[in-house]
Amino acid sequence: MPVFAQNKAFPEYKGSMIGLKTNIPYWGTATFNAGLEMRLATKWTFEVEAGLNPFSGKNDDGSYGKSIRHLRVHPEIRYWFCEAFHQSFIGLHVPYILYNVSDIKWLGTEGERHQGWGTGVGVSYGYQWLLHKHWNLEATLGVGYLYLGYDRFPCADCGNKQADNHKHYFGPTQAAVSLIYMF
């Protein structure tokens, strides 16, 4: 017969233990994405999201058009102010990305292609709303630091590398509106 110092052997967990999610706006960039979030304790969860955009933008002549080809992995540990999967949370994330981006003005690649990798660290704030017994909606914003290492190529001639570069980026590292199925 087990003996416990507290009155209860294990706290009673209410609600879901796992959430399967997708970031709805991320689909607008033709990026397949999914995430899995698991409850670790009453107020703690661990999430891993991944996004893949396999479209290269490479033309028949070897040049590149507009493209945001990438693979992104985004692990995050979250602390919930109420309880896991309910209301607001703060998170610490460590993203990693492999990318091949070309001719996108707002990403600073107009007229050229950047191919490389990046990693960093950031903090996020988010909120989850209960929609139904098994469905939640989440909004998240995150800021942080990314180190980006890349090779730069002209879009017109993808075979001639211009330079090896790196960039230190401070700013938004996460923006999501996710639909979640809870188990």
N, C-alpha and C. Protein backbone atom coordinates (compact mmCIF):
# COMPACT_ATOMS: atom_id res chain seq x y z
N MET A 1 0.85 -1.18 0.00
CA MET A 1 0.00 0.00 0.00
C MET A 1 0.89 1.24 0.00
N PRO A 2 0.74 2.14 -0.99
CA PRO A 2 1.59 3.32 -1.05
C PRO A 2 1.22 4.34 0.03
N VAL A 3 2.23 5.08 0.47
CA VAL A 3 2.04 6.13 1.46
C VAL A 3 2.43 7.45 0.82
N PHE A 4 1.59 8.49 0.96
CA PHE A 4 1.85 9.80 0.37
C PHE A 4 1.81 10.85 1.46
N ALA A 5 2.67 11.88 1.31
CA ALA A 5 2.71 12.98 2.27
C ALA A 5 1.51 13.90 2.11
N GLN A 6 0.98 13.99 0.90
CA GLN A 6 -0.18 14.83 0.65
C GLN A 6 -1.46 13.99 0.73
N ASN A 7 -2.58 14.67 0.72
CA ASN A 7 -3.86 13.97 0.77
C ASN A 7 -4.16 13.21 -0.51
N LYS A 8 -3.74 13.74 -1.66
CA LYS A 8 -4.02 13.10 -2.94
C LYS A 8 -2.73 12.53 -3.52
N ALA A 9 -2.82 11.37 -4.08
CA ALA A 9 -1.65 10.76 -4.69
C ALA A 9 -1.23 11.52 -5.95
N PHE A 10 -2.16 11.87 -6.80
CA PHE A 10 -1.88 12.61 -8.03
C PHE A 10 -2.97 13.66 -8.22
N PRO A 11 -2.59 14.85 -8.69
CA PRO A 11 -3.62 15.85 -8.93
C PRO A 11 -4.54 15.40 -10.07
N GLU A 12 -5.79 15.75 -9.99
CA GLU A 12 -6.76 15.41 -11.04
C GLU A 12 -6.58 16.40 -12.18
N TYR A 13 -6.30 15.90 -13.37
CA TYR A 13 -6.16 16.76 -14.54
C TYR A 13 -7.51 16.92 -15.19
N LYS A 14 -7.86 18.16 -15.46
CA LYS A 14 -9.10 18.46 -16.16
C LYS A 14 -8.74 18.81 -17.60
N GLY A 15 -9.60 18.46 -18.50
CA GLY A 15 -9.40 18.88 -19.87
C GLY A 15 -8.46 17.99 -20.66
N SER A 16 -8.02 18.55 -21.78
CA SER A 16 -7.26 17.80 -22.76
C SER A 16 -5.79 17.66 -22.37
N MET A 17 -5.16 16.65 -22.96
CA MET A 17 -3.74 16.39 -22.74
C MET A 17 -2.90 16.69 -23.97
N ILE A 18 -3.52 16.64 -25.17
CA ILE A 18 -2.79 16.84 -26.43
C ILE A 18 -3.64 17.68 -27.37
N GLY A 19 -2.98 18.57 -28.10
CA GLY A 19 -3.65 19.36 -29.13
C GLY A 19 -2.91 19.23 -30.45
N LEU A 20 -3.66 18.99 -31.51
CA LEU A 20 -3.12 18.94 -32.87
C LEU A 20 -3.58 20.21 -33.57
N LYS A 21 -2.64 20.98 -34.15
CA LYS A 21 -2.99 22.31 -34.62
C LYS A 21 -2.43 22.62 -35.99
N THR A 22 -3.00 23.66 -36.60
CA THR A 22 -2.48 24.21 -37.84
C THR A 22 -2.65 25.72 -37.82
N ASN A 23 -1.66 26.43 -38.36
CA ASN A 23 -1.65 27.89 -38.42
C ASN A 23 -2.35 28.32 -39.71
N ILE A 24 -3.54 28.88 -39.60
CA ILE A 24 -4.36 29.20 -40.76
C ILE A 24 -3.70 30.23 -41.70
N PRO A 25 -3.19 31.38 -41.23
CA PRO A 25 -2.56 32.33 -42.16
C PRO A 25 -1.31 31.78 -42.86
N TYR A 26 -0.60 30.87 -42.23
CA TYR A 26 0.60 30.27 -42.81
C TYR A 26 0.27 29.53 -44.11
N TRP A 27 -0.95 28.98 -44.21
CA TRP A 27 -1.39 28.32 -45.44
C TRP A 27 -1.46 29.32 -46.59
N GLY A 28 -1.63 30.61 -46.29
CA GLY A 28 -1.67 31.65 -47.32
C GLY A 28 -0.36 31.82 -48.05
N THR A 29 0.73 31.30 -47.52
CA THR A 29 2.03 31.33 -48.19
C THR A 29 2.32 29.99 -48.87
N ALA A 30 1.29 29.17 -49.06
CA ALA A 30 1.40 27.83 -49.66
C ALA A 30 2.32 26.94 -48.84
N THR A 31 2.29 27.10 -47.52
CA THR A 31 3.13 26.32 -46.62
C THR A 31 2.29 25.30 -45.87
N PHE A 32 2.61 24.03 -46.07
CA PHE A 32 1.98 22.96 -45.30
C PHE A 32 2.50 23.08 -43.87
N ASN A 33 1.61 23.04 -42.87
CA ASN A 33 2.07 23.18 -41.50
C ASN A 33 1.18 22.42 -40.54
N ALA A 34 1.79 21.95 -39.46
CA ALA A 34 1.07 21.26 -38.39
C ALA A 34 1.88 21.37 -37.11
N GLY A 35 1.20 21.25 -35.99
CA GLY A 35 1.86 21.30 -34.70
C GLY A 35 1.22 20.33 -33.74
N LEU A 36 1.98 19.97 -32.73
CA LEU A 36 1.52 19.08 -31.68
C LEU A 36 1.89 19.71 -30.35
N GLU A 37 0.92 19.85 -29.46
CA GLU A 37 1.18 20.43 -28.14
C GLU A 37 0.74 19.43 -27.07
N MET A 38 1.62 19.20 -26.08
CA MET A 38 1.36 18.22 -25.04
C MET A 38 1.41 18.87 -23.66
N ARG A 39 0.48 18.48 -22.82
CA ARG A 39 0.47 18.97 -21.44
C ARG A 39 1.58 18.29 -20.66
N LEU A 40 2.40 19.08 -19.98
CA LEU A 40 3.46 18.55 -19.11
C LEU A 40 3.05 18.56 -17.65
N ALA A 41 2.30 19.59 -17.26
CA ALA A 41 1.80 19.77 -15.89
C ALA A 41 0.56 20.64 -15.98
N THR A 42 -0.03 20.97 -14.86
CA THR A 42 -1.27 21.74 -14.85
C THR A 42 -1.14 23.05 -15.63
N LYS A 43 0.01 23.73 -15.52
CA LYS A 43 0.20 25.03 -16.17
C LYS A 43 1.31 25.04 -17.21
N TRP A 44 1.81 23.88 -17.61
CA TRP A 44 2.93 23.82 -18.56
C TRP A 44 2.59 22.91 -19.74
N THR A 45 2.97 23.37 -20.94
CA THR A 45 2.85 22.54 -22.14
C THR A 45 4.12 22.68 -22.97
N PHE A 46 4.33 21.71 -23.85
CA PHE A 46 5.43 21.74 -24.81
C PHE A 46 4.84 21.57 -26.20
N GLU A 47 5.23 22.45 -27.11
CA GLU A 47 4.69 22.44 -28.46
C GLU A 47 5.83 22.33 -29.47
N VAL A 48 5.58 21.59 -30.54
CA VAL A 48 6.49 21.55 -31.69
C VAL A 48 5.64 21.78 -32.94
N GLU A 49 5.99 22.80 -33.70
CA GLU A 49 5.33 23.07 -34.97
C GLU A 49 6.33 22.92 -36.10
N ALA A 50 5.85 22.53 -37.26
CA ALA A 50 6.71 22.44 -38.44
C ALA A 50 5.95 22.99 -39.64
N GLY A 51 6.69 23.65 -40.54
CA GLY A 51 6.11 24.16 -41.77
C GLY A 51 7.03 23.83 -42.94
N LEU A 52 6.44 23.43 -44.05
CA LEU A 52 7.21 23.09 -45.24
C LEU A 52 6.58 23.74 -46.46
N ASN A 53 7.37 24.55 -47.16
CA ASN A 53 6.97 25.11 -48.45
C ASN A 53 7.95 24.53 -49.46
N PRO A 54 7.53 23.52 -50.26
CA PRO A 54 8.45 22.83 -51.17
C PRO A 54 8.58 23.47 -52.55
N PHE A 55 7.92 24.59 -52.79
CA PHE A 55 7.86 25.17 -54.13
C PHE A 55 9.07 26.07 -54.38
N SER A 56 9.91 25.72 -55.37
CA SER A 56 11.20 26.39 -55.57
C SER A 56 11.13 27.70 -56.34
N GLY A 57 10.18 27.86 -57.23
CA GLY A 57 10.13 29.07 -58.05
C GLY A 57 11.14 29.06 -59.18
N LYS A 58 11.79 27.92 -59.41
CA LYS A 58 12.81 27.83 -60.46
C LYS A 58 12.14 27.74 -61.83
N ASN A 59 12.58 28.57 -62.76
CA ASN A 59 12.04 28.61 -64.12
C ASN A 59 12.76 27.59 -65.01
N ASP A 60 12.21 27.34 -66.19
CA ASP A 60 12.80 26.38 -67.13
C ASP A 60 14.21 26.78 -67.58
N ASP A 61 14.50 28.08 -67.60
CA ASP A 61 15.82 28.54 -68.05
C ASP A 61 16.87 28.55 -66.93
N GLY A 62 16.51 28.09 -65.74
CA GLY A 62 17.45 28.04 -64.62
C GLY A 62 17.40 29.25 -63.71
N SER A 63 16.69 30.30 -64.11
CA SER A 63 16.54 31.48 -63.26
C SER A 63 15.46 31.22 -62.21
N TYR A 64 15.36 32.12 -61.25
CA TYR A 64 14.38 31.97 -60.17
C TYR A 64 13.38 33.11 -60.21
N GLY A 65 12.11 32.77 -60.01
CA GLY A 65 11.06 33.76 -59.81
C GLY A 65 10.80 33.90 -58.32
N LYS A 66 9.67 34.47 -57.97
CA LYS A 66 9.33 34.65 -56.56
C LYS A 66 9.16 33.29 -55.88
N SER A 67 9.79 33.14 -54.72
CA SER A 67 9.74 31.87 -54.01
C SER A 67 10.07 32.06 -52.54
N ILE A 68 9.37 31.33 -51.66
CA ILE A 68 9.72 31.31 -50.23
C ILE A 68 9.83 29.86 -49.76
N ARG A 69 10.60 29.08 -50.49
CA ARG A 69 10.81 27.67 -50.17
C ARG A 69 11.54 27.57 -48.83
N HIS A 70 10.98 26.75 -47.92
CA HIS A 70 11.61 26.62 -46.60
C HIS A 70 11.09 25.41 -45.83
N LEU A 71 11.86 25.05 -44.83
CA LEU A 71 11.46 24.07 -43.81
C LEU A 71 11.71 24.74 -42.48
N ARG A 72 10.69 24.83 -41.66
CA ARG A 72 10.78 25.52 -40.36
C ARG A 72 10.32 24.57 -39.26
N VAL A 73 11.13 24.46 -38.20
CA VAL A 73 10.78 23.70 -37.01
C VAL A 73 10.79 24.67 -35.84
N HIS A 74 9.72 24.63 -35.05
CA HIS A 74 9.52 25.66 -34.02
C HIS A 74 9.09 25.02 -32.69
N PRO A 75 10.04 24.60 -31.84
CA PRO A 75 9.67 24.08 -30.52
C PRO A 75 9.44 25.24 -29.53
N GLU A 76 8.51 25.03 -28.60
CA GLU A 76 8.20 26.09 -27.62
C GLU A 76 7.72 25.46 -26.32
N ILE A 77 8.20 26.00 -25.20
CA ILE A 77 7.70 25.63 -23.88
C ILE A 77 6.79 26.77 -23.43
N ARG A 78 5.62 26.43 -22.88
CA ARG A 78 4.63 27.45 -22.53
C ARG A 78 4.21 27.34 -21.07
N TYR A 79 4.02 28.51 -20.46
CA TYR A 79 3.46 28.61 -19.12
C TYR A 79 2.10 29.27 -19.24
N TRP A 80 1.07 28.61 -18.74
CA TRP A 80 -0.31 29.09 -18.82
C TRP A 80 -0.69 29.75 -17.50
N PHE A 81 -1.32 30.92 -17.57
CA PHE A 81 -1.68 31.65 -16.37
C PHE A 81 -2.88 31.03 -15.64
N CYS A 82 -3.77 30.38 -16.36
CA CYS A 82 -4.92 29.73 -15.75
C CYS A 82 -4.63 28.23 -15.61
N GLU A 83 -4.78 27.49 -16.70
CA GLU A 83 -4.38 26.09 -16.78
C GLU A 83 -4.09 25.78 -18.24
N ALA A 84 -3.41 24.70 -18.50
CA ALA A 84 -2.99 24.35 -19.87
C ALA A 84 -4.18 24.34 -20.82
N PHE A 85 -3.96 24.91 -22.01
CA PHE A 85 -4.94 24.99 -23.09
C PHE A 85 -6.14 25.88 -22.76
N HIS A 86 -5.98 26.80 -21.82
CA HIS A 86 -7.11 27.67 -21.44
C HIS A 86 -6.61 29.09 -21.17
N GLN A 87 -7.09 30.03 -21.94
CA GLN A 87 -6.83 31.45 -21.82
C GLN A 87 -5.39 31.81 -22.18
N SER A 88 -4.71 32.66 -21.40
CA SER A 88 -3.43 33.23 -21.85
C SER A 88 -2.21 32.47 -21.36
N PHE A 89 -1.12 32.63 -22.15
CA PHE A 89 0.14 31.97 -21.85
C PHE A 89 1.30 32.84 -22.33
N ILE A 90 2.48 32.53 -21.80
CA ILE A 90 3.74 33.06 -22.33
C ILE A 90 4.58 31.86 -22.72
N GLY A 91 5.44 32.06 -23.71
CA GLY A 91 6.24 30.94 -24.19
C GLY A 91 7.67 31.34 -24.49
N LEU A 92 8.54 30.36 -24.54
CA LEU A 92 9.94 30.53 -24.94
C LEU A 92 10.16 29.57 -26.10
N HIS A 93 10.53 30.13 -27.28
CA HIS A 93 10.71 29.28 -28.45
C HIS A 93 12.12 29.40 -29.01
N VAL A 94 12.54 28.32 -29.70
CA VAL A 94 13.86 28.22 -30.31
C VAL A 94 13.67 27.72 -31.75
N PRO A 95 13.38 28.64 -32.69
CA PRO A 95 13.10 28.19 -34.06
C PRO A 95 14.37 27.82 -34.82
N TYR A 96 14.19 26.95 -35.83
CA TYR A 96 15.26 26.58 -36.76
C TYR A 96 14.64 26.56 -38.15
N ILE A 97 15.36 27.12 -39.15
CA ILE A 97 14.81 27.19 -40.50
C ILE A 97 15.90 26.93 -41.53
N LEU A 98 15.54 26.19 -42.56
CA LEU A 98 16.33 26.04 -43.78
C LEU A 98 15.53 26.73 -44.87
N TYR A 99 16.16 27.59 -45.68
CA TYR A 99 15.37 28.36 -46.64
C TYR A 99 16.10 28.60 -47.95
N ASN A 100 15.30 28.88 -48.97
CA ASN A 100 15.75 29.25 -50.30
C ASN A 100 14.71 30.26 -50.80
N VAL A 101 14.94 31.54 -50.55
CA VAL A 101 13.98 32.60 -50.80
C VAL A 101 14.47 33.47 -51.93
N SER A 102 13.59 33.78 -52.89
CA SER A 102 14.01 34.61 -54.02
C SER A 102 12.97 35.64 -54.40
N ASP A 103 13.47 36.84 -54.72
CA ASP A 103 12.70 37.94 -55.31
C ASP A 103 11.45 38.32 -54.51
N ILE A 104 11.56 38.37 -53.18
CA ILE A 104 10.47 38.81 -52.32
C ILE A 104 10.89 40.12 -51.66
N LYS A 105 10.27 41.22 -52.06
CA LYS A 105 10.68 42.55 -51.62
C LYS A 105 10.63 42.70 -50.10
N TRP A 106 9.53 42.29 -49.46
CA TRP A 106 9.39 42.49 -48.02
C TRP A 106 10.32 41.60 -47.20
N LEU A 107 10.99 40.63 -47.83
CA LEU A 107 12.01 39.83 -47.14
C LEU A 107 13.42 40.28 -47.48
N GLY A 108 13.55 41.35 -48.26
CA GLY A 108 14.86 41.89 -48.60
C GLY A 108 15.61 41.10 -49.66
N THR A 109 14.89 40.36 -50.50
CA THR A 109 15.56 39.54 -51.52
C THR A 109 15.14 39.97 -52.93
N GLU A 110 14.71 41.20 -53.12
CA GLU A 110 14.27 41.65 -54.44
C GLU A 110 15.43 41.56 -55.44
N GLY A 111 15.21 40.84 -56.55
CA GLY A 111 16.22 40.68 -57.59
C GLY A 111 17.33 39.70 -57.26
N GLU A 112 17.24 39.00 -56.14
CA GLU A 112 18.26 38.03 -55.78
C GLU A 112 17.64 36.87 -55.01
N ARG A 113 18.45 35.84 -54.79
CA ARG A 113 18.02 34.65 -54.07
C ARG A 113 18.94 34.43 -52.88
N HIS A 114 18.36 34.14 -51.71
CA HIS A 114 19.13 33.81 -50.51
C HIS A 114 18.84 32.36 -50.14
N GLN A 115 19.90 31.58 -49.97
CA GLN A 115 19.78 30.17 -49.60
C GLN A 115 20.62 29.95 -48.36
N GLY A 116 19.99 29.43 -47.28
CA GLY A 116 20.77 29.23 -46.05
C GLY A 116 19.94 28.64 -44.94
N TRP A 117 20.31 29.00 -43.73
CA TRP A 117 19.70 28.46 -42.52
C TRP A 117 19.63 29.56 -41.46
N GLY A 118 18.84 29.33 -40.44
CA GLY A 118 18.74 30.29 -39.35
C GLY A 118 18.26 29.62 -38.08
N THR A 119 18.64 30.21 -36.95
CA THR A 119 18.17 29.75 -35.65
C THR A 119 18.19 30.94 -34.69
N GLY A 120 17.50 30.81 -33.58
CA GLY A 120 17.46 31.91 -32.63
C GLY A 120 16.64 31.55 -31.41
N VAL A 121 16.17 32.59 -30.74
CA VAL A 121 15.38 32.42 -29.52
C VAL A 121 14.39 33.58 -29.43
N GLY A 122 13.22 33.30 -28.87
CA GLY A 122 12.22 34.34 -28.75
C GLY A 122 11.22 34.05 -27.64
N VAL A 123 10.43 35.05 -27.33
CA VAL A 123 9.35 34.92 -26.35
C VAL A 123 8.04 35.21 -27.05
N SER A 124 6.98 34.60 -26.56
CA SER A 124 5.68 34.81 -27.18
C SER A 124 4.61 34.99 -26.12
N TYR A 125 3.52 35.58 -26.58
CA TYR A 125 2.31 35.70 -25.76
C TYR A 125 1.16 35.22 -26.62
N GLY A 126 0.23 34.48 -26.02
CA GLY A 126 -0.90 34.00 -26.78
C GLY A 126 -2.12 33.78 -25.91
N TYR A 127 -3.21 33.51 -26.59
CA TYR A 127 -4.49 33.28 -25.92
C TYR A 127 -5.25 32.20 -26.67
N GLN A 128 -5.91 31.31 -25.93
CA GLN A 128 -6.73 30.26 -26.54
C GLN A 128 -8.18 30.40 -26.11
N TRP A 129 -9.06 30.24 -27.09
CA TRP A 129 -10.50 30.27 -26.85
C TRP A 129 -11.08 28.88 -27.09
N LEU A 130 -11.97 28.47 -26.22
CA LEU A 130 -12.68 27.21 -26.38
C LEU A 130 -13.82 27.44 -27.36
N LEU A 131 -13.83 26.69 -28.47
CA LEU A 131 -14.89 26.80 -29.45
C LEU A 131 -15.95 25.71 -29.26
N HIS A 132 -15.50 24.53 -28.88
CA HIS A 132 -16.35 23.36 -28.73
C HIS A 132 -15.59 22.39 -27.85
N LYS A 133 -16.19 21.27 -27.51
CA LYS A 133 -15.54 20.30 -26.63
C LYS A 133 -14.15 19.91 -27.10
N HIS A 134 -13.97 19.72 -28.43
CA HIS A 134 -12.68 19.28 -28.95
C HIS A 134 -11.97 20.33 -29.81
N TRP A 135 -12.50 21.53 -29.90
CA TRP A 135 -11.91 22.54 -30.79
C TRP A 135 -11.57 23.82 -30.05
N ASN A 136 -10.35 24.32 -30.27
CA ASN A 136 -9.90 25.60 -29.72
C ASN A 136 -9.38 26.47 -30.85
N LEU A 137 -9.32 27.77 -30.60
CA LEU A 137 -8.72 28.74 -31.50
C LEU A 137 -7.66 29.48 -30.70
N GLU A 138 -6.48 29.67 -31.30
CA GLU A 138 -5.36 30.32 -30.60
C GLU A 138 -4.78 31.44 -31.43
N ALA A 139 -4.45 32.54 -30.78
CA ALA A 139 -3.73 33.64 -31.41
C ALA A 139 -2.42 33.83 -30.65
N THR A 140 -1.31 33.93 -31.38
CA THR A 140 0.02 34.02 -30.77
C THR A 140 0.87 35.04 -31.50
N LEU A 141 1.63 35.83 -30.74
CA LEU A 141 2.63 36.74 -31.30
C LEU A 141 3.93 36.53 -30.53
N GLY A 142 5.05 36.53 -31.26
CA GLY A 142 6.35 36.35 -30.62
C GLY A 142 7.39 37.28 -31.20
N VAL A 143 8.35 37.67 -30.37
CA VAL A 143 9.48 38.50 -30.80
C VAL A 143 10.76 37.83 -30.30
N GLY A 144 11.87 38.14 -30.99
CA GLY A 144 13.13 37.54 -30.56
C GLY A 144 14.27 37.85 -31.50
N TYR A 145 15.28 37.00 -31.44
CA TYR A 145 16.52 37.15 -32.20
C TYR A 145 16.71 35.93 -33.10
N LEU A 146 17.16 36.17 -34.35
CA LEU A 146 17.51 35.10 -35.26
C LEU A 146 18.89 35.37 -35.84
N TYR A 147 19.70 34.34 -35.94
CA TYR A 147 20.95 34.39 -36.70
C TYR A 147 20.68 33.69 -38.02
N LEU A 148 20.92 34.39 -39.12
CA LEU A 148 20.67 33.84 -40.45
C LEU A 148 21.98 33.77 -41.21
N GLY A 149 22.37 32.59 -41.64
CA GLY A 149 23.54 32.39 -42.49
C GLY A 149 23.06 32.01 -43.88
N TYR A 150 23.57 32.68 -44.93
CA TYR A 150 23.05 32.39 -46.27
C TYR A 150 24.06 32.73 -47.35
N ASP A 151 23.87 32.09 -48.51
CA ASP A 151 24.59 32.42 -49.73
C ASP A 151 23.65 33.26 -50.58
N ARG A 152 24.20 34.26 -51.26
CA ARG A 152 23.40 35.16 -52.08
C ARG A 152 23.69 34.93 -53.56
N PHE A 153 22.63 34.82 -54.37
CA PHE A 153 22.73 34.58 -55.81
C PHE A 153 21.86 35.61 -56.54
N PRO A 154 22.23 36.01 -57.76
CA PRO A 154 21.31 36.82 -58.56
C PRO A 154 20.19 35.92 -59.07
N CYS A 155 18.97 36.43 -59.12
CA CYS A 155 17.84 35.62 -59.59
C CYS A 155 18.00 35.18 -61.03
N ALA A 156 18.62 36.01 -61.86
CA ALA A 156 18.74 35.70 -63.29
C ALA A 156 19.69 34.55 -63.56
N ASP A 157 20.68 34.33 -62.68
CA ASP A 157 21.67 33.27 -62.91
C ASP A 157 21.91 32.58 -61.57
N CYS A 158 21.15 31.52 -61.31
CA CYS A 158 21.20 30.90 -59.98
C CYS A 158 22.51 30.19 -59.69
N GLY A 159 23.35 29.95 -60.72
CA GLY A 159 24.57 29.18 -60.51
C GLY A 159 25.76 29.98 -60.02
N ASN A 160 25.73 31.29 -60.12
CA ASN A 160 26.87 32.11 -59.74
C ASN A 160 26.64 32.77 -58.39
N LYS A 161 27.28 32.23 -57.36
CA LYS A 161 27.13 32.79 -56.02
C LYS A 161 27.83 34.14 -55.95
N GLN A 162 27.16 35.13 -55.37
CA GLN A 162 27.74 36.45 -55.21
C GLN A 162 28.52 36.57 -53.91
N ALA A 163 27.98 36.01 -52.81
CA ALA A 163 28.64 36.20 -51.52
C ALA A 163 28.10 35.23 -50.47
N ASP A 164 28.93 34.97 -49.44
CA ASP A 164 28.48 34.31 -48.21
C ASP A 164 28.12 35.43 -47.25
N ASN A 165 26.94 35.39 -46.68
CA ASN A 165 26.49 36.46 -45.78
C ASN A 165 25.94 35.87 -44.50
N HIS A 166 25.78 36.74 -43.53
CA HIS A 166 25.04 36.41 -42.32
C HIS A 166 24.32 37.67 -41.87
N LYS A 167 23.29 37.47 -41.10
CA LYS A 167 22.48 38.59 -40.65
C LYS A 167 22.01 38.32 -39.24
N HIS A 168 22.02 39.35 -38.41
CA HIS A 168 21.45 39.29 -37.06
C HIS A 168 20.11 40.02 -37.14
N TYR A 169 19.04 39.32 -36.79
CA TYR A 169 17.70 39.86 -36.92
C TYR A 169 17.05 39.95 -35.55
N PHE A 170 16.49 41.11 -35.22
CA PHE A 170 15.69 41.30 -34.02
C PHE A 170 14.31 41.77 -34.45
N GLY A 171 13.27 41.10 -34.02
CA GLY A 171 11.93 41.49 -34.41
C GLY A 171 10.95 40.35 -34.25
N PRO A 172 9.83 40.41 -34.97
CA PRO A 172 8.83 39.34 -34.87
C PRO A 172 9.41 37.99 -35.32
N THR A 173 9.18 36.96 -34.53
CA THR A 173 9.64 35.60 -34.85
C THR A 173 8.48 34.62 -34.92
N GLN A 174 7.28 35.09 -34.59
CA GLN A 174 6.13 34.20 -34.59
C GLN A 174 4.85 35.03 -34.71
N ALA A 175 3.95 34.57 -35.56
CA ALA A 175 2.59 35.13 -35.66
C ALA A 175 1.70 34.00 -36.12
N ALA A 176 0.67 33.70 -35.35
CA ALA A 176 -0.17 32.55 -35.69
C ALA A 176 -1.60 32.77 -35.23
N VAL A 177 -2.50 32.26 -36.02
CA VAL A 177 -3.90 32.05 -35.63
C VAL A 177 -4.15 30.59 -35.95
N SER A 178 -4.19 29.79 -34.91
CA SER A 178 -4.22 28.33 -35.09
C SER A 178 -5.56 27.73 -34.72
N LEU A 179 -5.99 26.78 -35.52
CA LEU A 179 -7.15 25.97 -35.21
C LEU A 179 -6.63 24.68 -34.60
N ILE A 180 -7.19 24.27 -33.46
CA ILE A 180 -6.64 23.16 -32.69
C ILE A 180 -7.71 22.12 -32.42
N TYR A 181 -7.36 20.86 -32.65
CA TYR A 181 -8.22 19.75 -32.25
C TYR A 181 -7.62 19.16 -30.98
N MET A 182 -8.43 19.08 -29.91
CA MET A 182 -7.98 18.64 -28.60
C MET A 182 -8.35 17.18 -28.34
N PHE A 183 -7.39 16.42 -27.81
CA PHE A 183 -7.62 15.02 -27.42
C PHE A 183 -7.69 14.92 -25.93
